[in-house]
Amino acid sequence: MNAVQRSIFFSALERYASLLLFLVSIGILSRLLTPKEFGIYAVVLAITSVFSTSSQEFGGANYLIQKASLSEVNVRTAFTITFGLSVAIGLLVYLLGGVVGSTLGAEGLAAGIAVAVLNFIITPFSTTIIALYRRDMQFGVVAASTLACNFTTVCVSIALAKMGYSYLAPIWGMIAGSVVQTVYLMATRRDLRIFRPSLQGYPEVVRFGLYSSGVVLINVFYSSAPQLFLARMLDFTTVGLYSRACTLTQVFDKLVIQVISPVIMPAIFAQTKAGADLKRLYLNATSLLTVLYWPFLIFMAVMAKPIILVWLGPSWLEVVPLVRLLCIAQLSLFAACLTYPVLVAAGSVRDTLLSSLISLPPSLLIIFIASFFGVEAVAGSAMLTLPFQAAVAIFFVSRHLDLRFTDFVHALRKSGMVALCCCATVAICASLIERGLIGPIAGIFIACGTAAAIWLAALFAVQHPLLAELKAPVSRLVSVAWRSTGRVPVPVAQGDRDVC
């Protein structure tokens, strides 16, 4: 198993264990907290995330990973800038908590912000160590720390929710998880000299951070804006409903995107240094992503009602139309996770910021206007904003990689065929559930089984490139099975393959 495959394995192990915790915790918390309480928590998270994420990009993970030659002084300088900026911004957010609470008309919002800003002090330590482990492709330690963090977050959140801590329960859970992760990472790293203050060579860190943090700030604010607009125009119950809808549509991100995202940038840099063609890597990655991404979103859109009924309970059925609108809109974001690392690899981090500045302000305006017409209008606005954002990002990537429309058609046509086959199968199962011929739980299992079978059959029918990616792991499993019987397997020739 090479370094990239081993990294994806550890990342997948952690993500799927965390996903199980996530599914259980959402199901339990949705029955312990009301939509309004979820709404207040979502707004607190939206406000603090905008500032904390952007501040951490000054000398954060992306700077440390992309730097060709990294010394201890570079790491110390990056950490010093990140920590100082994070603490300063955290203090500012804390002082403005009361103003924000009165502006949005929510009692206790200031208290939630006061607790959440503790992360501004904690996370610079963990993000710096994680970046160094990611740079060295040591994802086993990262996976263990994240799993410990998520387990702690879930346990503390559920325990406090049962004790009546309301919307503060998941916020305190988040802080507890961050503390556990940071302590674990420091214990494994041991050499803590990287946290000694230093400003040597700070202009380079600031230059990269200006572009990188600008991209993150705009994107995080954009993702948080609907909750803020809805909280101001409508109420926190609406925010809670929209937040839950977003959570459901992001399950694929937790299943796949978050598994490969930590590996994408190091893998792309490693393969381009080895002489791989960046254009070929990008097209191959989009083909592999879409054959997973599109069928999953279609499944979520068609089966939204029984999934929500079983998972969250009947009190959350209002989110069904929101989930369907968001899933359809997100079909256009098939290459979103590749844009930033590919543009950085192409030597154009500036274009990542320019792309966001072109696409996100008009999108924010559309969302703001839609918020006057209700939560469904905000979800429906994604049908305009997300394809527009995808088109702008693809334009910038295409300019650097000399991509044409026909290149995308060739790379994505087989994935489209597979997705259509799955769509027809799932639609039949959804119809049977709606007519009452089968129950929602049985219907979900039947839909999953039949969709998986059709998906696999369609892969073979169109000879999708994913089959080649699956061949090596399957061959290894067969080899292990043969060895356990005392027989010698026939060698399987393996050519070079691109890895997403």
Protein backbone atom coordinates (compact mmCIF):
# COMPACT_ATOMS: atom_id res chain seq x y z
CA MET A 1 0.00 0.00 0.00
CA ASN A 2 1.62 3.30 -1.09
CA ALA A 3 1.61 6.50 1.00
CA VAL A 4 -1.48 8.00 -0.65
CA GLN A 5 -3.54 4.81 -0.34
CA ARG A 6 -2.44 4.36 3.27
CA SER A 7 -3.37 7.96 4.03
CA ILE A 8 -6.81 7.54 2.46
CA PHE A 9 -7.28 4.32 4.44
CA PHE A 10 -6.61 6.01 7.80
CA SER A 11 -8.65 9.04 6.79
CA ALA A 12 -11.55 6.80 5.76
CA LEU A 13 -11.32 4.79 8.98
CA GLU A 14 -11.62 7.93 11.07
CA ARG A 15 -14.30 9.55 8.94
CA TYR A 16 -16.59 6.54 8.85
CA ALA A 17 -16.27 6.00 12.59
CA SER A 18 -16.99 9.70 13.07
CA LEU A 19 -19.90 9.46 10.64
CA LEU A 20 -21.44 6.71 12.77
CA LEU A 21 -21.10 8.95 15.82
CA PHE A 22 -22.57 11.82 13.81
CA LEU A 23 -25.61 9.84 12.69
CA VAL A 24 -26.31 8.64 16.23
CA SER A 25 -25.78 12.04 17.82
CA ILE A 26 -27.99 13.89 15.34
CA GLY A 27 -30.75 11.35 15.84
CA ILE A 28 -30.56 11.72 19.64
CA LEU A 29 -30.04 15.50 19.78
CA SER A 30 -32.90 16.08 17.34
CA ARG A 31 -35.17 14.51 19.95
CA LEU A 32 -33.61 16.40 22.88
CA LEU A 33 -33.40 19.87 21.33
CA THR A 34 -36.06 21.85 19.47
CA PRO A 35 -35.54 23.39 16.01
CA LYS A 36 -35.25 26.80 17.70
CA GLU A 37 -32.45 25.56 19.98
CA PHE A 38 -30.67 24.06 16.97
CA GLY A 39 -31.14 27.40 15.24
CA ILE A 40 -29.40 29.35 18.01
CA TYR A 41 -26.53 26.83 18.01
CA ALA A 42 -26.27 27.11 14.21
CA VAL A 43 -26.04 30.91 14.37
CA VAL A 44 -23.35 30.79 17.09
CA LEU A 45 -21.39 28.31 14.99
CA ALA A 46 -21.85 30.42 11.86
CA ILE A 47 -20.60 33.60 13.52
CA THR A 48 -17.55 32.05 15.18
CA SER A 49 -16.63 29.85 12.19
CA VAL A 50 -16.35 32.83 9.86
CA PHE A 51 -13.63 34.39 11.99
CA SER A 52 -11.84 31.37 13.45
CA THR A 53 -11.36 29.56 10.14
CA SER A 54 -10.01 32.60 8.32
CA SER A 55 -7.60 33.56 11.13
CA GLN A 56 -6.14 30.05 11.20
CA GLU A 57 -5.25 30.27 7.49
CA PHE A 58 -2.52 32.81 8.26
CA GLY A 59 0.27 30.30 8.57
CA GLY A 60 -2.23 27.46 8.78
CA ALA A 61 -2.31 24.03 7.22
CA ASN A 62 -2.16 25.03 3.57
CA TYR A 63 0.93 27.21 4.02
CA LEU A 64 2.81 24.51 5.93
CA ILE A 65 1.86 21.78 3.44
CA GLN A 66 2.70 23.63 0.24
CA LYS A 67 6.06 25.06 1.34
CA ALA A 68 8.80 23.14 -0.46
CA SER A 69 11.44 23.40 2.27
CA LEU A 70 10.11 23.72 5.80
CA SER A 71 12.27 24.53 8.84
CA GLU A 72 11.42 24.73 12.53
CA VAL A 73 11.65 28.51 12.32
CA ASN A 74 9.04 28.53 9.54
CA VAL A 75 6.68 26.49 11.69
CA ARG A 76 7.23 28.69 14.75
CA THR A 77 6.59 31.85 12.74
CA ALA A 78 3.45 30.39 11.18
CA PHE A 79 2.12 29.32 14.58
CA THR A 80 2.94 32.68 16.20
CA ILE A 81 1.02 34.61 13.55
CA THR A 82 -1.91 32.18 13.61
CA PHE A 83 -2.18 32.14 17.41
CA GLY A 84 -1.83 35.90 17.83
CA LEU A 85 -4.42 36.67 15.18
CA SER A 86 -6.77 33.99 16.45
CA VAL A 87 -6.68 35.29 20.04
CA ALA A 88 -7.17 38.90 18.93
CA ILE A 89 -10.15 38.03 16.74
CA GLY A 90 -11.60 35.78 19.44
CA LEU A 91 -11.47 38.64 21.94
CA LEU A 92 -13.19 40.94 19.43
CA VAL A 93 -15.96 38.41 18.78
CA TYR A 94 -16.44 37.97 22.54
CA LEU A 95 -16.78 41.72 23.08
CA LEU A 96 -19.29 42.02 20.21
CA GLY A 97 -21.36 39.03 21.38
CA GLY A 98 -23.91 41.18 23.19
CA VAL A 99 -24.37 43.47 20.20
CA VAL A 100 -24.89 40.52 17.88
CA GLY A 101 -27.40 38.97 20.27
CA SER A 102 -29.48 42.13 20.52
CA THR A 103 -29.30 42.69 16.75
CA LEU A 104 -30.60 39.20 15.97
CA GLY A 105 -33.05 39.26 18.88
CA ALA A 106 -31.99 36.02 20.56
CA GLU A 107 -31.69 35.66 24.30
CA GLY A 108 -28.59 33.75 25.28
CA LEU A 109 -26.80 34.18 21.94
CA ALA A 110 -24.09 36.19 23.69
CA ALA A 111 -23.59 33.34 26.19
CA GLY A 112 -23.18 30.86 23.34
CA ILE A 113 -20.60 33.07 21.64
CA ALA A 114 -18.73 33.53 24.94
CA VAL A 115 -18.31 29.76 25.21
CA ALA A 116 -17.55 29.15 21.52
CA VAL A 117 -14.68 31.68 21.36
CA LEU A 118 -12.65 29.45 23.69
CA ASN A 119 -11.83 27.51 20.53
CA PHE A 120 -9.89 30.52 19.24
CA ILE A 121 -7.28 29.79 21.92
CA ILE A 122 -7.24 26.00 21.53
CA THR A 123 -7.35 25.26 17.81
CA PRO A 124 -4.11 27.00 16.65
CA PHE A 125 -2.15 24.33 18.54
CA SER A 126 -4.00 21.37 17.05
CA THR A 127 -4.17 22.74 13.48
CA THR A 128 -0.39 23.35 13.42
CA ILE A 129 0.44 19.79 14.50
CA ILE A 130 -2.16 18.30 12.14
CA ALA A 131 -0.67 20.26 9.23
CA LEU A 132 2.78 18.82 9.95
CA TYR A 133 1.41 15.29 10.14
CA ARG A 134 -0.52 15.80 6.90
CA ARG A 135 2.61 17.15 5.21
CA ASP A 136 4.44 13.95 6.17
CA MET A 137 1.40 11.82 5.14
CA GLN A 138 1.10 10.50 8.73
CA PHE A 139 -2.67 10.28 8.73
CA GLY A 140 -2.89 7.54 11.34
CA VAL A 141 -2.21 9.98 14.20
CA VAL A 142 -4.49 12.60 12.66
CA ALA A 143 -7.30 10.04 12.34
CA ALA A 144 -6.93 8.93 15.96
CA SER A 145 -6.97 12.52 17.26
CA THR A 146 -10.02 13.49 15.22
CA LEU A 147 -11.90 10.38 16.28
CA ALA A 148 -11.12 11.13 19.94
CA CYS A 149 -12.32 14.69 19.39
CA ASN A 150 -15.59 13.62 17.75
CA PHE A 151 -16.31 10.93 20.35
CA THR A 152 -15.80 13.44 23.17
CA THR A 153 -17.95 16.05 21.40
CA VAL A 154 -20.84 13.62 20.94
CA CYS A 155 -20.74 12.25 24.49
CA VAL A 156 -20.52 15.66 26.16
CA SER A 157 -23.20 17.18 23.88
CA ILE A 158 -25.72 14.40 24.56
CA ALA A 159 -24.99 14.35 28.30
CA LEU A 160 -25.41 18.12 28.64
CA ALA A 161 -28.54 18.15 26.45
CA LYS A 162 -30.14 15.57 28.77
CA MET A 163 -29.17 17.77 31.73
CA GLY A 164 -31.05 20.70 30.21
CA TYR A 165 -28.19 22.80 28.84
CA SER A 166 -30.26 23.49 25.70
CA TYR A 167 -28.30 25.01 22.77
CA LEU A 168 -25.18 25.32 24.96
CA ALA A 169 -24.86 21.52 25.07
CA PRO A 170 -23.34 21.06 21.56
CA ILE A 171 -21.21 24.19 22.02
CA TRP A 172 -19.63 22.87 25.22
CA GLY A 173 -19.31 19.51 23.50
CA MET A 174 -17.33 21.16 20.70
CA ILE A 175 -14.96 22.81 23.20
CA ALA A 176 -14.43 19.54 25.09
CA GLY A 177 -13.62 17.75 21.82
CA SER A 178 -11.08 20.41 20.83
CA VAL A 179 -9.33 20.13 24.20
CA VAL A 180 -9.07 16.34 23.96
CA GLN A 181 -7.72 16.50 20.40
CA THR A 182 -5.11 19.12 21.27
CA VAL A 183 -3.89 17.22 24.32
CA TYR A 184 -3.65 13.99 22.30
CA LEU A 185 -1.68 15.65 19.48
CA MET A 186 0.74 17.31 21.90
CA ALA A 187 1.31 13.98 23.62
CA THR A 188 2.17 12.29 20.32
CA ARG A 189 4.28 15.14 18.98
CA ARG A 190 6.26 15.63 22.22
CA ASP A 191 8.61 18.17 20.63
CA LEU A 192 6.75 21.38 21.48
CA ARG A 193 9.50 23.78 20.46
CA ILE A 194 7.39 24.64 17.41
CA PHE A 195 5.18 26.71 19.73
CA ARG A 196 7.99 29.07 20.76
CA PRO A 197 7.21 32.59 19.48
CA SER A 198 9.02 33.74 16.34
CA LEU A 199 8.43 36.30 13.58
CA GLN A 200 11.42 35.43 11.42
CA GLY A 201 10.39 35.38 7.77
CA TYR A 202 6.87 36.58 8.53
CA PRO A 203 6.34 38.43 5.18
CA GLU A 204 6.17 35.11 3.29
CA VAL A 205 3.60 33.73 5.73
CA VAL A 206 1.50 36.90 5.52
CA ARG A 207 1.64 36.99 1.71
CA PHE A 208 0.34 33.45 1.38
CA GLY A 209 -2.10 33.98 4.24
CA LEU A 210 -3.68 37.04 2.66
CA TYR A 211 -4.84 35.02 -0.34
CA SER A 212 -5.53 31.77 1.47
CA SER A 213 -7.44 33.34 4.37
CA GLY A 214 -9.31 35.58 1.96
CA VAL A 215 -10.60 32.54 0.10
CA VAL A 216 -11.58 30.77 3.32
CA LEU A 217 -13.19 33.88 4.83
CA ILE A 218 -15.39 34.46 1.79
CA ASN A 219 -16.38 30.81 1.46
CA VAL A 220 -17.10 30.29 5.15
CA PHE A 221 -19.10 33.51 5.32
CA TYR A 222 -21.04 32.41 2.27
CA SER A 223 -21.89 29.04 3.82
CA SER A 224 -22.92 30.76 7.08
CA ALA A 225 -24.87 33.61 5.47
CA PRO A 226 -28.21 31.78 4.98
CA GLN A 227 -28.44 31.06 8.72
CA LEU A 228 -27.62 34.67 9.57
CA PHE A 229 -30.08 36.08 7.03
CA LEU A 230 -32.86 33.75 8.18
CA ALA A 231 -32.20 34.59 11.83
CA ARG A 232 -32.49 38.31 11.06
CA MET A 233 -35.47 38.14 8.67
CA LEU A 234 -37.48 35.27 10.17
CA ASP A 235 -36.77 33.30 13.37
CA PHE A 236 -34.42 30.74 14.89
CA THR A 237 -36.83 27.85 14.27
CA THR A 238 -36.40 28.49 10.54
CA VAL A 239 -32.64 28.59 11.01
CA GLY A 240 -32.80 25.21 12.75
CA LEU A 241 -34.78 23.68 9.89
CA TYR A 242 -32.39 25.03 7.25
CA SER A 243 -29.38 23.91 9.29
CA ARG A 244 -30.73 20.35 9.53
CA ALA A 245 -31.40 20.32 5.78
CA CYS A 246 -27.80 21.35 5.13
CA THR A 247 -26.60 18.64 7.50
CA LEU A 248 -28.46 15.96 5.54
CA THR A 249 -27.15 17.14 2.18
CA GLN A 250 -23.59 17.15 3.55
CA VAL A 251 -23.59 13.48 4.47
CA PHE A 252 -21.69 12.70 1.25
CA ASP A 253 -19.03 15.20 2.30
CA LYS A 254 -18.58 13.22 5.51
CA LEU A 255 -18.61 9.90 3.64
CA VAL A 256 -16.22 10.76 0.83
CA ILE A 257 -15.07 14.38 0.48
CA GLN A 258 -13.78 14.72 4.03
CA VAL A 259 -12.02 11.37 3.66
CA ILE A 260 -10.00 12.45 0.64
CA SER A 261 -9.76 16.21 1.25
CA PRO A 262 -6.83 16.00 3.71
CA VAL A 263 -5.00 13.84 1.18
CA ILE A 264 -5.81 15.74 -2.03
CA MET A 265 -3.32 18.59 -1.73
CA PRO A 266 -0.33 16.53 -0.52
CA ALA A 267 -1.12 13.86 -3.14
CA ILE A 268 -1.37 16.38 -5.99
CA PHE A 269 1.90 18.04 -5.01
CA ALA A 270 3.61 14.66 -4.71
CA GLN A 271 2.40 13.45 -8.11
CA THR A 272 3.14 16.71 -9.94
CA LYS A 273 6.66 16.67 -8.50
CA ALA A 274 6.98 13.15 -9.87
CA GLY A 275 6.07 14.45 -13.33
CA ALA A 276 2.35 13.62 -13.50
CA ASP A 277 0.14 15.67 -15.84
CA LEU A 278 -2.05 17.97 -13.72
CA LYS A 279 -4.76 18.12 -16.40
CA ARG A 280 -5.03 14.33 -16.51
CA LEU A 281 -5.07 14.14 -12.71
CA TYR A 282 -7.92 16.67 -12.54
CA LEU A 283 -10.11 15.01 -15.16
CA ASN A 284 -9.57 11.56 -13.70
CA ALA A 285 -10.43 12.85 -10.23
CA THR A 286 -13.66 14.48 -11.43
CA SER A 287 -14.69 11.23 -13.11
CA LEU A 288 -14.10 9.25 -9.91
CA LEU A 289 -15.88 11.80 -7.74
CA THR A 290 -19.00 12.20 -9.88
CA VAL A 291 -19.73 8.48 -10.10
CA LEU A 292 -20.07 8.54 -6.31
CA TYR A 293 -21.35 12.09 -5.78
CA TRP A 294 -24.21 12.23 -8.28
CA PRO A 295 -25.91 8.90 -7.37
CA PHE A 296 -25.68 9.74 -3.66
CA LEU A 297 -27.27 13.19 -4.03
CA ILE A 298 -30.03 11.74 -6.21
CA PHE A 299 -30.67 9.05 -3.59
CA MET A 300 -30.90 11.67 -0.82
CA ALA A 301 -33.24 13.88 -2.85
CA VAL A 302 -35.64 11.07 -3.79
CA MET A 303 -35.59 9.31 -0.40
CA ALA A 304 -35.55 12.48 1.74
CA LYS A 305 -38.96 11.93 3.36
CA PRO A 306 -38.45 8.37 4.72
CA ILE A 307 -34.86 9.16 5.75
CA ILE A 308 -35.91 12.21 7.78
CA LEU A 309 -38.90 10.37 9.26
CA VAL A 310 -36.69 7.53 10.52
CA TRP A 311 -33.58 9.52 11.43
CA LEU A 312 -34.84 12.81 12.88
CA GLY A 313 -38.48 12.03 13.64
CA PRO A 314 -41.82 13.38 12.34
CA SER A 315 -41.27 16.84 13.88
CA TRP A 316 -38.59 17.55 11.24
CA LEU A 317 -40.56 16.67 8.07
CA GLU A 318 -40.64 20.35 7.09
CA VAL A 319 -37.03 20.01 5.92
CA VAL A 320 -37.94 17.51 3.15
CA PRO A 321 -38.43 20.11 0.35
CA LEU A 322 -35.30 21.96 1.52
CA VAL A 323 -33.20 18.81 1.29
CA ARG A 324 -34.46 18.07 -2.22
CA LEU A 325 -33.72 21.56 -3.51
CA LEU A 326 -30.23 21.60 -1.99
CA CYS A 327 -29.35 18.13 -3.29
CA ILE A 328 -30.33 19.01 -6.86
CA ALA A 329 -28.37 22.27 -6.68
CA GLN A 330 -25.27 20.56 -5.34
CA LEU A 331 -25.02 18.27 -8.36
CA SER A 332 -23.09 21.11 -10.00
CA LEU A 333 -20.37 21.11 -7.31
CA PHE A 334 -18.81 17.86 -8.57
CA ALA A 335 -15.28 19.28 -8.65
CA ALA A 336 -15.47 21.82 -5.82
CA CYS A 337 -12.99 20.02 -3.54
CA LEU A 338 -10.39 19.99 -6.34
CA THR A 339 -10.43 23.68 -7.25
CA TYR A 340 -8.23 25.07 -4.48
CA PRO A 341 -5.50 22.38 -4.48
CA VAL A 342 -5.33 22.32 -8.29
CA LEU A 343 -4.98 26.10 -8.58
CA VAL A 344 -2.33 26.14 -5.83
CA ALA A 345 -0.49 23.31 -7.61
CA ALA A 346 -0.69 25.34 -10.82
CA GLY A 347 1.03 28.20 -8.99
CA SER A 348 -1.99 30.48 -8.87
CA VAL A 349 -3.25 30.81 -5.30
CA ARG A 350 -4.28 34.35 -6.31
CA ASP A 351 -6.92 32.95 -8.65
CA THR A 352 -8.54 31.03 -5.82
CA LEU A 353 -9.34 34.36 -4.17
CA LEU A 354 -10.34 36.01 -7.44
CA SER A 355 -12.72 33.17 -8.25
CA SER A 356 -14.45 33.55 -4.88
CA LEU A 357 -14.66 37.33 -5.23
CA ILE A 358 -16.39 36.96 -8.60
CA SER A 359 -18.87 34.22 -7.71
CA LEU A 360 -19.78 34.65 -4.03
CA PRO A 361 -20.90 38.31 -3.67
CA PRO A 362 -23.65 37.94 -6.34
CA SER A 363 -24.64 34.64 -4.72
CA LEU A 364 -24.91 36.33 -1.32
CA LEU A 365 -27.14 39.02 -2.81
CA ILE A 366 -29.47 36.38 -4.27
CA ILE A 367 -29.64 34.54 -0.92
CA PHE A 368 -30.34 37.80 0.92
CA ILE A 369 -33.21 38.67 -1.42
CA ALA A 370 -34.55 35.10 -1.13
CA SER A 371 -34.55 35.32 2.69
CA PHE A 372 -37.42 37.83 2.48
CA PHE A 373 -39.58 35.10 0.92
CA GLY A 374 -38.93 32.29 3.40
CA VAL A 375 -36.69 29.31 4.00
CA GLU A 376 -37.79 27.41 0.88
CA ALA A 377 -36.85 30.39 -1.26
CA VAL A 378 -33.37 30.41 0.32
CA ALA A 379 -32.95 26.71 -0.44
CA GLY A 380 -34.30 27.25 -3.95
CA SER A 381 -31.82 30.08 -4.57
CA ALA A 382 -29.08 27.43 -4.49
CA MET A 383 -30.37 26.28 -7.87
CA LEU A 384 -28.95 29.54 -9.25
CA THR A 385 -25.99 30.27 -7.01
CA LEU A 386 -24.24 26.89 -6.88
CA PRO A 387 -24.11 26.28 -10.68
CA PHE A 388 -22.82 29.83 -11.11
CA GLN A 389 -20.07 29.27 -8.55
CA ALA A 390 -19.12 25.96 -10.17
CA ALA A 391 -18.92 27.61 -13.60
CA VAL A 392 -16.60 30.37 -12.34
CA ALA A 393 -14.31 27.89 -10.58
CA ILE A 394 -14.13 25.63 -13.63
CA PHE A 395 -13.32 28.64 -15.81
CA PHE A 396 -10.22 29.47 -13.75
CA VAL A 397 -9.10 25.85 -13.58
CA SER A 398 -9.65 25.41 -17.32
CA ARG A 399 -7.58 28.48 -18.09
CA HIS A 400 -4.55 27.00 -16.31
CA LEU A 401 -4.99 23.40 -17.48
CA ASP A 402 -6.12 24.17 -21.05
CA LEU A 403 -9.42 22.31 -20.54
CA ARG A 404 -12.22 22.32 -23.09
CA PHE A 405 -15.92 21.53 -22.81
CA THR A 406 -15.38 18.26 -24.67
CA ASP A 407 -12.82 17.21 -22.04
CA PHE A 408 -15.50 17.44 -19.35
CA VAL A 409 -18.07 15.64 -21.49
CA HIS A 410 -15.65 12.79 -22.06
CA ALA A 411 -14.68 12.61 -18.38
CA LEU A 412 -18.24 12.80 -16.98
CA ARG A 413 -20.49 11.01 -19.50
CA LYS A 414 -20.05 7.56 -17.94
CA SER A 415 -20.74 8.93 -14.47
CA GLY A 416 -23.92 10.52 -15.80
CA MET A 417 -25.10 7.19 -17.20
CA VAL A 418 -24.51 5.45 -13.87
CA ALA A 419 -26.37 8.20 -12.00
CA LEU A 420 -29.41 7.94 -14.29
CA CYS A 421 -29.62 4.20 -13.75
CA CYS A 422 -29.55 4.67 -9.97
CA CYS A 423 -32.15 7.44 -10.17
CA ALA A 424 -34.70 5.19 -11.87
CA THR A 425 -34.20 2.44 -9.29
CA VAL A 426 -34.53 4.72 -6.26
CA ALA A 427 -37.60 6.44 -7.71
CA ILE A 428 -39.42 3.10 -7.84
CA CYS A 429 -38.62 2.38 -4.17
CA ALA A 430 -39.73 5.88 -3.12
CA SER A 431 -43.01 5.38 -4.97
CA LEU A 432 -43.66 2.10 -3.13
CA ILE A 433 -43.02 3.81 0.23
CA GLU A 434 -45.29 6.74 -0.65
CA ARG A 435 -48.12 4.37 -1.59
CA GLY A 436 -47.73 2.52 1.70
CA LEU A 437 -46.79 -0.79 0.08
CA ILE A 438 -43.62 -0.97 2.17
CA GLY A 439 -42.63 0.78 5.42
CA PRO A 440 -40.04 3.60 5.53
CA ILE A 441 -37.34 1.55 7.30
CA ALA A 442 -37.72 -1.45 4.99
CA GLY A 443 -37.96 0.91 2.03
CA ILE A 444 -34.67 2.60 2.89
CA PHE A 445 -32.85 -0.74 3.15
CA ILE A 446 -34.41 -2.01 -0.09
CA ALA A 447 -33.53 1.23 -1.87
CA CYS A 448 -29.94 1.08 -0.61
CA GLY A 449 -29.53 -2.55 -1.69
CA THR A 450 -31.07 -2.19 -5.13
CA ALA A 451 -29.32 1.12 -5.83
CA ALA A 452 -25.96 -0.38 -4.86
CA ALA A 453 -26.55 -3.40 -7.12
CA ILE A 454 -27.61 -1.22 -10.06
CA TRP A 455 -24.69 1.14 -9.44
CA LEU A 456 -22.19 -1.71 -9.56
CA ALA A 457 -23.83 -3.24 -12.64
CA ALA A 458 -23.77 0.15 -14.38
CA LEU A 459 -20.05 0.54 -13.59
CA PHE A 460 -19.35 -2.66 -15.51
CA ALA A 461 -21.81 -1.81 -18.26
CA VAL A 462 -20.13 1.51 -19.10
CA GLN A 463 -16.64 0.36 -18.04
CA HIS A 464 -16.19 3.29 -15.70
CA PRO A 465 -12.60 4.29 -14.72
CA LEU A 466 -13.46 3.61 -11.07
CA LEU A 467 -13.23 -0.12 -11.86
CA ALA A 468 -9.50 0.28 -12.43
CA GLU A 469 -9.16 2.02 -9.04
CA LEU A 470 -11.04 -0.81 -7.34
CA LYS A 471 -9.00 -3.52 -9.04
CA ALA A 472 -5.85 -3.18 -6.91
CA PRO A 473 -7.57 -3.31 -3.47
CA VAL A 474 -9.70 -6.26 -4.58
CA SER A 475 -6.63 -8.05 -5.88
CA ARG A 476 -4.92 -7.58 -2.53
CA LEU A 477 -7.91 -8.99 -0.68
CA VAL A 478 -7.96 -12.02 -3.00
CA SER A 479 -4.23 -12.45 -2.45
CA VAL A 480 -4.67 -12.45 1.34
CA ALA A 481 -7.52 -14.95 1.04
CA TRP A 482 -5.41 -17.29 -1.12
CA ARG A 483 -2.48 -17.09 1.28
CA SER A 484 -4.74 -18.04 4.18
CA THR A 485 -5.57 -21.29 2.32
CA GLY A 486 -1.89 -22.03 1.71
CA ARG A 487 -2.13 -21.47 -2.04
CA VAL A 488 -0.13 -19.07 -4.18
CA PRO A 489 -2.19 -16.53 -6.15
CA VAL A 490 -1.56 -15.67 -9.75
CA PRO A 491 0.24 -12.29 -9.91
CA VAL A 492 -1.87 -9.38 -11.08
CA ALA A 493 -0.13 -6.78 -13.19
CA GLN A 494 -0.74 -3.24 -12.00
CA GLY A 495 -0.05 -0.17 -14.06
CA ASP A 496 0.38 3.34 -12.83
CA ARG A 497 -2.88 4.94 -11.78
CA ASP A 498 -3.89 8.46 -10.92
CA VAL A 499 -5.19 8.96 -7.43
CA CYS A 500 -7.79 11.57 -6.54
